[in-house]
């Protein structure tokens, strides 16, 4: 997951944002972050797996939405990757009926 997140930063919405981010953050984040940042190798993408204390195993699909270049921002949506995750999310949110899109 770390490789994926750092690669997404490298892809980033703009060169200026990437340069600002690496100048300010890389010194704080350390050598492991910098090593990952400069690999430029796309990581294997698949469902993101997380272990929740009450819901146990959850699997998420990610959708990245690029916002207009003037905003230099991205929006990452995490959507249930399977029925078991959707059901567990419903129980966690105490929602009796599933909806197509929900804020978490």
PDB file of N, CA and C in Angstrom:
ATOM      1  N   UNK A   1       0.823  -1.183   0.000  1.00  0.00           N
ATOM      2  CA  UNK A   1       0.000   0.000   0.000  1.00  0.00           C
ATOM      3  C   UNK A   1       0.874   1.256   0.000  1.00  0.00           C
ATOM      4  N   UNK A   2       1.986   1.206   0.695  1.00  0.00           N
ATOM      5  CA  UNK A   2       2.882   2.364   0.726  1.00  0.00           C
ATOM      6  C   UNK A   2       3.398   2.693  -0.665  1.00  0.00           C
ATOM      7  N   UNK A   3       3.794   1.661  -1.429  1.00  0.00           N
ATOM      8  CA  UNK A   3       4.268   1.892  -2.800  1.00  0.00           C
ATOM      9  C   UNK A   3       3.186   2.561  -3.644  1.00  0.00           C
ATOM     10  N   UNK A   4       1.958   2.092  -3.489  1.00  0.00           N
ATOM     11  CA  UNK A   4       0.836   2.652  -4.242  1.00  0.00           C
ATOM     12  C   UNK A   4       0.623   4.128  -3.929  1.00  0.00           C
ATOM     13  N   UNK A   5       0.618   4.453  -2.654  1.00  0.00           N
ATOM     14  CA  UNK A   5       0.363   5.831  -2.243  1.00  0.00           C
ATOM     15  C   UNK A   5       1.475   6.772  -2.712  1.00  0.00           C
ATOM     16  N   UNK A   6       2.715   6.331  -2.580  1.00  0.00           N
ATOM     17  CA  UNK A   6       3.834   7.170  -3.019  1.00  0.00           C
ATOM     18  C   UNK A   6       3.819   7.320  -4.535  1.00  0.00           C
ATOM     19  N   UNK A   7       3.483   6.251  -5.260  1.00  0.00           N
ATOM     20  CA  UNK A   7       3.395   6.352  -6.715  1.00  0.00           C
ATOM     21  C   UNK A   7       2.309   7.347  -7.107  1.00  0.00           C
ATOM     22  N   UNK A   8       1.177   7.332  -6.404  1.00  0.00           N
ATOM     23  CA  UNK A   8       0.113   8.300  -6.679  1.00  0.00           C
ATOM     24  C   UNK A   8       0.602   9.728  -6.461  1.00  0.00           C
ATOM     25  N   UNK A   9       1.433   9.929  -5.463  1.00  0.00           N
ATOM     26  CA  UNK A   9       2.001  11.257  -5.234  1.00  0.00           C
ATOM     27  C   UNK A   9       2.910  11.657  -6.389  1.00  0.00           C
ATOM     28  N   UNK A  10       3.676  10.692  -6.872  1.00  0.00           N
ATOM     29  CA  UNK A  10       4.565  10.977  -7.994  1.00  0.00           C
ATOM     30  C   UNK A  10       3.766  11.348  -9.232  1.00  0.00           C
ATOM     31  N   UNK A  11       2.646  10.650  -9.466  1.00  0.00           N
ATOM     32  CA  UNK A  11       1.791  10.981 -10.609  1.00  0.00           C
ATOM     33  C   UNK A  11       1.159  12.348 -10.442  1.00  0.00           C
ATOM     34  N   UNK A  12       0.836  12.672  -9.194  1.00  0.00           N
ATOM     35  CA  UNK A  12       0.240  13.935  -8.785  1.00  0.00           C
ATOM     36  C   UNK A  12      -0.411  14.787  -9.843  1.00  0.00           C
ATOM     37  N   UNK A  13      -1.226  15.720  -9.429  1.00  0.00           N
ATOM     38  CA  UNK A  13      -1.948  16.561 -10.364  1.00  0.00           C
ATOM     39  C   UNK A  13      -1.083  17.593 -11.078  1.00  0.00           C
ATOM     40  N   UNK A  14       0.074  17.961 -10.521  1.00  0.00           N
ATOM     41  CA  UNK A  14       0.900  18.960 -11.209  1.00  0.00           C
ATOM     42  C   UNK A  14       2.360  18.828 -10.786  1.00  0.00           C
ATOM     43  N   UNK A  15       3.260  19.275 -11.634  1.00  0.00           N
ATOM     44  CA  UNK A  15       4.685  19.253 -11.328  1.00  0.00           C
ATOM     45  C   UNK A  15       4.999  20.156 -10.147  1.00  0.00           C
ATOM     46  N   UNK A  16       4.346  21.316 -10.103  1.00  0.00           N
ATOM     47  CA  UNK A  16       4.594  22.259  -9.010  1.00  0.00           C
ATOM     48  C   UNK A  16       4.213  21.651  -7.662  1.00  0.00           C
ATOM     49  N   UNK A  17       3.075  20.973  -7.620  1.00  0.00           N
ATOM     50  CA  UNK A  17       2.629  20.339  -6.384  1.00  0.00           C
ATOM     51  C   UNK A  17       3.617  19.256  -5.964  1.00  0.00           C
ATOM     52  N   UNK A  18       4.084  18.460  -6.917  1.00  0.00           N
ATOM     53  CA  UNK A  18       5.040  17.401  -6.611  1.00  0.00           C
ATOM     54  C   UNK A  18       6.336  17.991  -6.064  1.00  0.00           C
ATOM     55  N   UNK A  19       6.847  19.021  -6.701  1.00  0.00           N
ATOM     56  CA  UNK A  19       8.095  19.629  -6.245  1.00  0.00           C
ATOM     57  C   UNK A  19       7.951  20.227  -4.857  1.00  0.00           C
ATOM     58  N   UNK A  20       6.832  20.913  -4.619  1.00  0.00           N
ATOM     59  CA  UNK A  20       6.585  21.487  -3.292  1.00  0.00           C
ATOM     60  C   UNK A  20       6.486  20.380  -2.249  1.00  0.00           C
ATOM     61  N   UNK A  21       5.742  19.336  -2.569  1.00  0.00           N
ATOM     62  CA  UNK A  21       5.519  18.244  -1.632  1.00  0.00           C
ATOM     63  C   UNK A  21       6.832  17.552  -1.279  1.00  0.00           C
ATOM     64  N   UNK A  22       7.620  17.205  -2.291  1.00  0.00           N
ATOM     65  CA  UNK A  22       8.861  16.491  -2.010  1.00  0.00           C
ATOM     66  C   UNK A  22       9.850  17.367  -1.253  1.00  0.00           C
ATOM     67  N   UNK A  23       9.901  18.641  -1.554  1.00  0.00           N
ATOM     68  CA  UNK A  23      10.820  19.531  -0.842  1.00  0.00           C
ATOM     69  C   UNK A  23      10.448  19.649   0.633  1.00  0.00           C
ATOM     70  N   UNK A  24       9.156  19.735   0.920  1.00  0.00           N
ATOM     71  CA  UNK A  24       8.719  19.907   2.306  1.00  0.00           C
ATOM     72  C   UNK A  24       8.576  18.592   3.068  1.00  0.00           C
ATOM     73  N   UNK A  25       8.117  17.559   2.404  1.00  0.00           N
ATOM     74  CA  UNK A  25       7.758  16.336   3.106  1.00  0.00           C
ATOM     75  C   UNK A  25       8.860  15.281   3.127  1.00  0.00           C
ATOM     76  N   UNK A  26       9.628  15.181   2.078  1.00  0.00           N
ATOM     77  CA  UNK A  26      10.633  14.117   1.986  1.00  0.00           C
ATOM     78  C   UNK A  26      11.644  14.189   3.120  1.00  0.00           C
ATOM     79  N   UNK A  27      12.029  15.376   3.529  1.00  0.00           N
ATOM     80  CA  UNK A  27      13.008  15.497   4.611  1.00  0.00           C
ATOM     81  C   UNK A  27      12.430  15.002   5.937  1.00  0.00           C
ATOM     82  N   UNK A  28      11.148  15.162   6.135  1.00  0.00           N
ATOM     83  CA  UNK A  28      10.494  14.702   7.358  1.00  0.00           C
ATOM     84  C   UNK A  28      10.187  13.212   7.284  1.00  0.00           C
ATOM     85  N   UNK A  29       9.774  12.741   6.107  1.00  0.00           N
ATOM     86  CA  UNK A  29       9.345  11.348   5.949  1.00  0.00           C
ATOM     87  C   UNK A  29      10.506  10.364   5.967  1.00  0.00           C
ATOM     88  N   UNK A  30      11.672  10.781   5.558  1.00  0.00           N
ATOM     89  CA  UNK A  30      12.845   9.919   5.648  1.00  0.00           C
ATOM     90  C   UNK A  30      13.220   9.197   4.372  1.00  0.00           C
ATOM     91  N   UNK A  31      14.232   8.360   4.509  1.00  0.00           N
ATOM     92  CA  UNK A  31      14.833   7.704   3.340  1.00  0.00           C
ATOM     93  C   UNK A  31      13.917   6.676   2.686  1.00  0.00           C
ATOM     94  N   UNK A  32      13.118   5.962   3.472  1.00  0.00           N
ATOM     95  CA  UNK A  32      12.224   4.959   2.884  1.00  0.00           C
ATOM     96  C   UNK A  32      11.213   5.619   1.951  1.00  0.00           C
ATOM     97  N   UNK A  33      10.657   6.750   2.373  1.00  0.00           N
ATOM     98  CA  UNK A  33       9.727   7.499   1.532  1.00  0.00           C
ATOM     99  C   UNK A  33      10.427   7.962   0.259  1.00  0.00           C
ATOM    100  N   UNK A  34      11.607   8.532   0.402  1.00  0.00           N
ATOM    101  CA  UNK A  34      12.349   9.055  -0.754  1.00  0.00           C
ATOM    102  C   UNK A  34      12.694   7.932  -1.723  1.00  0.00           C
ATOM    103  N   UNK A  35      13.098   6.768  -1.202  1.00  0.00           N
ATOM    104  CA  UNK A  35      13.410   5.627  -2.064  1.00  0.00           C
ATOM    105  C   UNK A  35      12.184   5.211  -2.871  1.00  0.00           C
ATOM    106  N   UNK A  36      11.042   5.110  -2.196  1.00  0.00           N
ATOM    107  CA  UNK A  36       9.809   4.725  -2.891  1.00  0.00           C
ATOM    108  C   UNK A  36       9.414   5.788  -3.915  1.00  0.00           C
ATOM    109  N   UNK A  37       9.581   7.034  -3.563  1.00  0.00           N
ATOM    110  CA  UNK A  37       9.166   8.134  -4.423  1.00  0.00           C
ATOM    111  C   UNK A  37       9.933   8.148  -5.740  1.00  0.00           C
ATOM    112  N   UNK A  38      11.197   7.774  -5.708  1.00  0.00           N
ATOM    113  CA  UNK A  38      12.032   7.863  -6.907  1.00  0.00           C
ATOM    114  C   UNK A  38      12.124   6.554  -7.695  1.00  0.00           C
ATOM    115  N   UNK A  39      11.354   5.536  -7.295  1.00  0.00           N
ATOM    116  CA  UNK A  39      11.346   4.273  -8.047  1.00  0.00           C
ATOM    117  C   UNK A  39      10.613   4.413  -9.364  1.00  0.00           C
ATOM    118  N   UNK A  40       9.522   5.139  -9.397  1.00  0.00           N
ATOM    119  CA  UNK A  40       8.715   5.372 -10.600  1.00  0.00           C
ATOM    120  C   UNK A  40       8.255   4.075 -11.259  1.00  0.00           C
ATOM    121  N   UNK A  41       8.036   3.053 -10.468  1.00  0.00           N
ATOM    122  CA  UNK A  41       7.547   1.780 -10.978  1.00  0.00           C
ATOM    123  C   UNK A  41       6.096   1.629 -10.533  1.00  0.00           C
ATOM    124  N   UNK A  42       5.183   1.501 -11.482  1.00  0.00           N
ATOM    125  CA  UNK A  42       3.778   1.347 -11.075  1.00  0.00           C
ATOM    126  C   UNK A  42       3.594   0.091 -10.224  1.00  0.00           C
ATOM    127  N   UNK A  43       3.022   0.242  -9.043  1.00  0.00           N
ATOM    128  CA  UNK A  43       2.782  -0.932  -8.199  1.00  0.00           C
ATOM    129  C   UNK A  43       1.615  -1.748  -8.727  1.00  0.00           C
ATOM    130  N   UNK A  44       1.539  -2.988  -8.304  1.00  0.00           N
ATOM    131  CA  UNK A  44       0.418  -3.837  -8.652  1.00  0.00           C
ATOM    132  C   UNK A  44      -0.833  -3.287  -7.984  1.00  0.00           C
ATOM    133  N   UNK A  45      -1.872  -3.095  -8.759  1.00  0.00           N
ATOM    134  CA  UNK A  45      -3.125  -2.568  -8.201  1.00  0.00           C
ATOM    135  C   UNK A  45      -4.114  -3.705  -8.054  1.00  0.00           C
ATOM    136  N   UNK A  46      -4.807  -3.674  -6.970  1.00  0.00           N
ATOM    137  CA  UNK A  46      -5.842  -4.654  -6.698  1.00  0.00           C
ATOM    138  C   UNK A  46      -6.670  -4.106  -5.563  1.00  0.00           C
ATOM    139  N   UNK A  47      -7.600  -4.875  -5.079  1.00  0.00           N
ATOM    140  CA  UNK A  47      -8.393  -4.383  -3.959  1.00  0.00           C
ATOM    141  C   UNK A  47      -7.503  -4.095  -2.742  1.00  0.00           C
ATOM    142  N   UNK A  48      -7.783  -3.010  -2.094  1.00  0.00           N
ATOM    143  CA  UNK A  48      -7.093  -2.656  -0.857  1.00  0.00           C
ATOM    144  C   UNK A  48      -7.732  -3.465   0.259  1.00  0.00           C
ATOM    145  N   UNK A  49      -6.931  -4.185   1.003  1.00  0.00           N
ATOM    146  CA  UNK A  49      -7.452  -5.017   2.091  1.00  0.00           C
ATOM    147  C   UNK A  49      -7.137  -4.348   3.419  1.00  0.00           C
ATOM    148  N   UNK A  50      -8.149  -4.300   4.268  1.00  0.00           N
ATOM    149  CA  UNK A  50      -7.975  -3.713   5.589  1.00  0.00           C
ATOM    150  C   UNK A  50      -8.631  -4.629   6.621  1.00  0.00           C
ATOM    151  N   UNK A  51      -8.075  -4.648   7.809  1.00  0.00           N
ATOM    152  CA  UNK A  51      -8.670  -5.402   8.902  1.00  0.00           C
ATOM    153  C   UNK A  51      -9.263  -4.408   9.889  1.00  0.00           C
ATOM    154  N   UNK A  52     -10.552  -4.510  10.077  1.00  0.00           N
ATOM    155  CA  UNK A  52     -11.277  -3.625  10.984  1.00  0.00           C
ATOM    156  C   UNK A  52     -11.560  -4.392  12.272  1.00  0.00           C
ATOM    157  N   UNK A  53     -11.462  -3.745  13.448  1.00  0.00           N
ATOM    158  CA  UNK A  53     -11.665  -4.476  14.697  1.00  0.00           C
ATOM    159  C   UNK A  53     -13.054  -5.104  14.852  1.00  0.00           C
ATOM    160  N   UNK A  54     -14.079  -4.504  14.266  1.00  0.00           N
ATOM    161  CA  UNK A  54     -15.430  -5.062  14.380  1.00  0.00           C
ATOM    162  C   UNK A  54     -15.893  -5.746  13.105  1.00  0.00           C
ATOM    163  N   UNK A  55     -15.498  -5.229  11.959  1.00  0.00           N
ATOM    164  CA  UNK A  55     -15.988  -5.760  10.681  1.00  0.00           C
ATOM    165  C   UNK A  55     -15.043  -6.793  10.076  1.00  0.00           C
ATOM    166  N   UNK A  56     -13.871  -6.957  10.668  1.00  0.00           N
ATOM    167  CA  UNK A  56     -12.859  -7.921  10.228  1.00  0.00           C
ATOM    168  C   UNK A  56     -12.311  -7.543   8.854  1.00  0.00           C
ATOM    169  N   UNK A  57     -12.287  -8.463   7.895  1.00  0.00           N
ATOM    170  CA  UNK A  57     -11.654  -8.199   6.603  1.00  0.00           C
ATOM    171  C   UNK A  57     -12.556  -7.363   5.693  1.00  0.00           C
ATOM    172  N   UNK A  58     -12.010  -6.250   5.226  1.00  0.00           N
ATOM    173  CA  UNK A  58     -12.721  -5.384   4.286  1.00  0.00           C
ATOM    174  C   UNK A  58     -11.874  -5.253   3.026  1.00  0.00           C
ATOM    175  N   UNK A  59     -12.525  -5.234   1.872  1.00  0.00           N
ATOM    176  CA  UNK A  59     -11.833  -5.083   0.586  1.00  0.00           C
ATOM    177  C   UNK A  59     -12.410  -3.861  -0.127  1.00  0.00           C
ATOM    178  N   UNK A  60     -11.527  -2.967  -0.578  1.00  0.00           N
ATOM    179  CA  UNK A  60     -11.955  -1.706  -1.190  1.00  0.00           C
ATOM    180  C   UNK A  60     -11.391  -1.565  -2.598  1.00  0.00           C
ATOM    181  N   UNK A  61     -12.210  -1.057  -3.485  1.00  0.00           N
ATOM    182  CA  UNK A  61     -11.753  -0.621  -4.812  1.00  0.00           C
ATOM    183  C   UNK A  61     -11.552   0.877  -4.734  1.00  0.00           C
ATOM    184  N   UNK A  62     -10.567   1.369  -5.462  1.00  0.00           N
ATOM    185  CA  UNK A  62     -10.301   2.803  -5.465  1.00  0.00           C
ATOM    186  C   UNK A  62     -10.583   3.399  -6.824  1.00  0.00           C
ATOM    187  N   UNK A  63     -11.188   4.551  -6.820  1.00  0.00           N
ATOM    188  CA  UNK A  63     -11.416   5.328  -8.037  1.00  0.00           C
ATOM    189  C   UNK A  63     -10.785   6.699  -7.816  1.00  0.00           C
ATOM    190  N   UNK A  64      -9.933   7.107  -8.742  1.00  0.00           N
ATOM    191  CA  UNK A  64      -9.287   8.411  -8.632  1.00  0.00           C
ATOM    192  C   UNK A  64      -9.956   9.355  -9.619  1.00  0.00           C
ATOM    193  N   UNK A  65     -10.468  10.449  -9.114  1.00  0.00           N
ATOM    194  CA  UNK A  65     -11.087  11.474  -9.946  1.00  0.00           C
ATOM    195  C   UNK A  65     -10.152  12.667 -10.025  1.00  0.00           C
ATOM    196  N   UNK A  66      -9.795  13.037 -11.232  1.00  0.00           N
ATOM    197  CA  UNK A  66      -8.944  14.206 -11.443  1.00  0.00           C
ATOM    198  C   UNK A  66      -9.833  15.441 -11.486  1.00  0.00           C
ATOM    199  N   UNK A  67      -9.533  16.409 -10.670  1.00  0.00           N
ATOM    200  CA  UNK A  67     -10.263  17.670 -10.678  1.00  0.00           C
ATOM    201  C   UNK A  67      -9.602  18.602 -11.691  1.00  0.00           C
ATOM    202  N   UNK A  68     -10.269  19.676 -12.078  1.00  0.00           N
ATOM    203  CA  UNK A  68      -9.689  20.579 -13.084  1.00  0.00           C
ATOM    204  C   UNK A  68      -8.262  20.999 -12.721  1.00  0.00           C
ATOM    205  N   UNK A  69      -7.441  21.139 -13.748  1.00  0.00           N
ATOM    206  CA  UNK A  69      -6.023  21.452 -13.547  1.00  0.00           C
ATOM    207  C   UNK A  69      -5.817  22.701 -12.698  1.00  0.00           C
ATOM    208  N   UNK A  70      -6.729  23.648 -12.767  1.00  0.00           N
ATOM    209  CA  UNK A  70      -6.557  24.869 -11.981  1.00  0.00           C
ATOM    210  C   UNK A  70      -6.626  24.589 -10.485  1.00  0.00           C
ATOM    211  N   UNK A  71      -7.318  23.525 -10.096  1.00  0.00           N
ATOM    212  CA  UNK A  71      -7.419  23.160  -8.685  1.00  0.00           C
ATOM    213  C   UNK A  71      -6.224  22.336  -8.214  1.00  0.00           C
ATOM    214  N   UNK A  72      -5.549  21.646  -9.139  1.00  0.00           N
ATOM    215  CA  UNK A  72      -4.412  20.779  -8.829  1.00  0.00           C
ATOM    216  C   UNK A  72      -4.745  19.813  -7.701  1.00  0.00           C
ATOM    217  N   UNK A  73      -5.898  19.164  -7.804  1.00  0.00           N
ATOM    218  CA  UNK A  73      -6.325  18.237  -6.767  1.00  0.00           C
ATOM    219  C   UNK A  73      -6.875  16.957  -7.377  1.00  0.00           C
ATOM    220  N   UNK A  74      -6.850  15.910  -6.561  1.00  0.00           N
ATOM    221  CA  UNK A  74      -7.450  14.631  -6.914  1.00  0.00           C
ATOM    222  C   UNK A  74      -8.391  14.237  -5.791  1.00  0.00           C
ATOM    223  N   UNK A  75      -9.387  13.459  -6.132  1.00  0.00           N
ATOM    224  CA  UNK A  75     -10.303  12.914  -5.147  1.00  0.00           C
ATOM    225  C   UNK A  75     -10.244  11.398  -5.285  1.00  0.00           C
ATOM    226  N   UNK A  76      -9.948  10.709  -4.198  1.00  0.00           N
ATOM    227  CA  UNK A  76      -9.868   9.256  -4.218  1.00  0.00           C
ATOM    228  C   UNK A  76     -11.089   8.707  -3.490  1.00  0.00           C
ATOM    229  N   UNK A  77     -11.855   7.880  -4.198  1.00  0.00           N
ATOM    230  CA  UNK A  77     -13.037   7.253  -3.622  1.00  0.00           C
ATOM    231  C   UNK A  77     -12.707   5.807  -3.280  1.00  0.00           C
ATOM    232  N   UNK A  78     -13.115   5.376  -2.110  1.00  0.00           N
ATOM    233  CA  UNK A  78     -12.970   3.996  -1.695  1.00  0.00           C
ATOM    234  C   UNK A  78     -14.353   3.372  -1.706  1.00  0.00           C
ATOM    235  N   UNK A  79     -14.539   2.368  -2.551  1.00  0.00           N
ATOM    236  CA  UNK A  79     -15.829   1.705  -2.725  1.00  0.00           C
ATOM    237  C   UNK A  79     -15.707   0.238  -2.329  1.00  0.00           C
ATOM    238  N   UNK A  80     -16.740  -0.336  -1.723  1.00  0.00           N
ATOM    239  CA  UNK A  80     -16.665  -1.752  -1.376  1.00  0.00           C
ATOM    240  C   UNK A  80     -16.366  -2.598  -2.616  1.00  0.00           C
ATOM    241  N   UNK A  81     -15.394  -3.495  -2.493  1.00  0.00           N
ATOM    242  CA  UNK A  81     -14.992  -4.332  -3.625  1.00  0.00           C
ATOM    243  C   UNK A  81     -15.807  -5.619  -3.708  1.00  0.00           C
ATOM    244  N   UNK A  82     -16.570  -5.921  -2.656  1.00  0.00           N
ATOM    245  CA  UNK A  82     -17.372  -7.143  -2.684  1.00  0.00           C
ATOM    246  C   UNK A  82     -18.600  -6.969  -1.786  1.00  0.00           C
ATOM    247  N   UNK A  83     -19.517  -7.916  -1.884  1.00  0.00           N
ATOM    248  CA  UNK A  83     -20.754  -7.846  -1.103  1.00  0.00           C
ATOM    249  C   UNK A  83     -20.492  -7.929   0.397  1.00  0.00           C
ATOM    250  N   UNK A  84     -19.515  -8.723   0.803  1.00  0.00           N
ATOM    251  CA  UNK A  84     -19.219  -8.862   2.232  1.00  0.00           C
ATOM    252  C   UNK A  84     -18.772  -7.525   2.827  1.00  0.00           C
ATOM    253  N   UNK A  85     -17.960  -6.769   2.087  1.00  0.00           N
ATOM    254  CA  UNK A  85     -17.506  -5.461   2.569  1.00  0.00           C
ATOM    255  C   UNK A  85     -18.670  -4.476   2.602  1.00  0.00           C
ATOM    256  N   UNK A  86     -19.507  -4.500   1.581  1.00  0.00           N
ATOM    257  CA  UNK A  86     -20.669  -3.601   1.559  1.00  0.00           C
ATOM    258  C   UNK A  86     -21.598  -3.887   2.734  1.00  0.00           C
ATOM    259  N   UNK A  87     -21.818  -5.158   3.023  1.00  0.00           N
ATOM    260  CA  UNK A  87     -22.677  -5.538   4.148  1.00  0.00           C
ATOM    261  C   UNK A  87     -22.053  -5.107   5.466  1.00  0.00           C
ATOM    262  N   UNK A  88     -20.759  -5.345   5.632  1.00  0.00           N
ATOM    263  CA  UNK A  88     -20.069  -4.937   6.862  1.00  0.00           C
ATOM    264  C   UNK A  88     -20.131  -3.422   7.034  1.00  0.00           C
ATOM    265  N   UNK A  89     -19.975  -2.675   5.951  1.00  0.00           N
ATOM    266  CA  UNK A  89     -20.051  -1.215   6.022  1.00  0.00           C
ATOM    267  C   UNK A  89     -21.446  -0.765   6.445  1.00  0.00           C
ATOM    268  N   UNK A  90     -22.463  -1.418   5.914  1.00  0.00           N
ATOM    269  CA  UNK A  90     -23.836  -1.093   6.319  1.00  0.00           C
ATOM    270  C   UNK A  90     -24.017  -1.287   7.818  1.00  0.00           C
ATOM    271  N   UNK A  91     -23.477  -2.371   8.344  1.00  0.00           N
ATOM    272  CA  UNK A  91     -23.600  -2.632   9.781  1.00  0.00           C
ATOM    273  C   UNK A  91     -22.819  -1.605  10.595  1.00  0.00           C
ATOM    274  N   UNK A  92     -21.643  -1.230  10.124  1.00  0.00           N
ATOM    275  CA  UNK A  92     -20.835  -0.239  10.841  1.00  0.00           C
ATOM    276  C   UNK A  92     -21.507   1.129  10.867  1.00  0.00           C
ATOM    277  N   UNK A  93     -22.151   1.473   9.764  1.00  0.00           N
ATOM    278  CA  UNK A  93     -22.816   2.790   9.663  1.00  0.00           C
ATOM    279  C   UNK A  93     -24.237   2.754  10.209  1.00  0.00           C
ATOM    280  N   UNK A  94     -24.671   1.575  10.650  1.00  0.00           N
ATOM    281  CA  UNK A  94     -26.026   1.394  11.163  1.00  0.00           C
ATOM    282  C   UNK A  94     -27.083   1.836  10.162  1.00  0.00           C
ATOM    283  N   UNK A  95     -26.833   1.477   8.919  1.00  0.00           N
ATOM    284  CA  UNK A  95     -27.784   1.776   7.847  1.00  0.00           C
ATOM    285  C   UNK A  95     -28.465   0.485   7.458  1.00  0.00           C
ATOM    286  N   UNK A  96     -29.764   0.418   7.586  1.00  0.00           N
ATOM    287  CA  UNK A  96     -30.447  -0.833   7.256  1.00  0.00           C
ATOM    288  C   UNK A  96     -30.507  -1.108   5.748  1.00  0.00           C
ATOM    289  N   UNK A  97     -30.438  -0.080   4.903  1.00  0.00           N
ATOM    290  CA  UNK A  97     -30.563  -0.282   3.458  1.00  0.00           C
ATOM    291  C   UNK A  97     -29.306   0.224   2.773  1.00  0.00           C
ATOM    292  N   UNK A  98     -28.803  -0.574   1.860  1.00  0.00           N
ATOM    293  CA  UNK A  98     -27.640  -0.156   1.097  1.00  0.00           C
ATOM    294  C   UNK A  98     -27.996   0.892   0.064  1.00  0.00           C
ATOM    295  N   UNK A  99     -27.086   1.822  -0.148  1.00  0.00           N
ATOM    296  CA  UNK A  99     -27.252   2.819  -1.203  1.00  0.00           C
ATOM    297  C   UNK A  99     -26.068   2.684  -2.153  1.00  0.00           C
ATOM    298  N   UNK A 100     -26.204   3.235  -3.328  1.00  0.00           N
ATOM    299  CA  UNK A 100     -25.159   3.111  -4.336  1.00  0.00           C
ATOM    300  C   UNK A 100     -23.891   3.872  -3.948  1.00  0.00           C
ATOM    301  N   UNK A 101     -24.022   4.997  -3.278  1.00  0.00           N
ATOM    302  CA  UNK A 101     -22.869   5.816  -2.912  1.00  0.00           C
ATOM    303  C   UNK A 101     -23.107   6.360  -1.522  1.00  0.00           C
ATOM    304  N   UNK A 102     -22.089   6.286  -0.679  1.00  0.00           N
ATOM    305  CA  UNK A 102     -22.236   6.797   0.677  1.00  0.00           C
ATOM    306  C   UNK A 102     -20.921   7.386   1.154  1.00  0.00           C
ATOM    307  N   UNK A 103     -21.013   8.389   1.979  1.00  0.00           N
ATOM    308  CA  UNK A 103     -19.825   9.031   2.542  1.00  0.00           C
ATOM    309  C   UNK A 103     -19.398   8.269   3.782  1.00  0.00           C
ATOM    310  N   UNK A 104     -18.092   8.064   3.901  1.00  0.00           N
ATOM    311  CA  UNK A 104     -17.553   7.377   5.077  1.00  0.00           C
ATOM    312  C   UNK A 104     -16.556   8.296   5.733  1.00  0.00           C
TER     313      UNK A 104
END
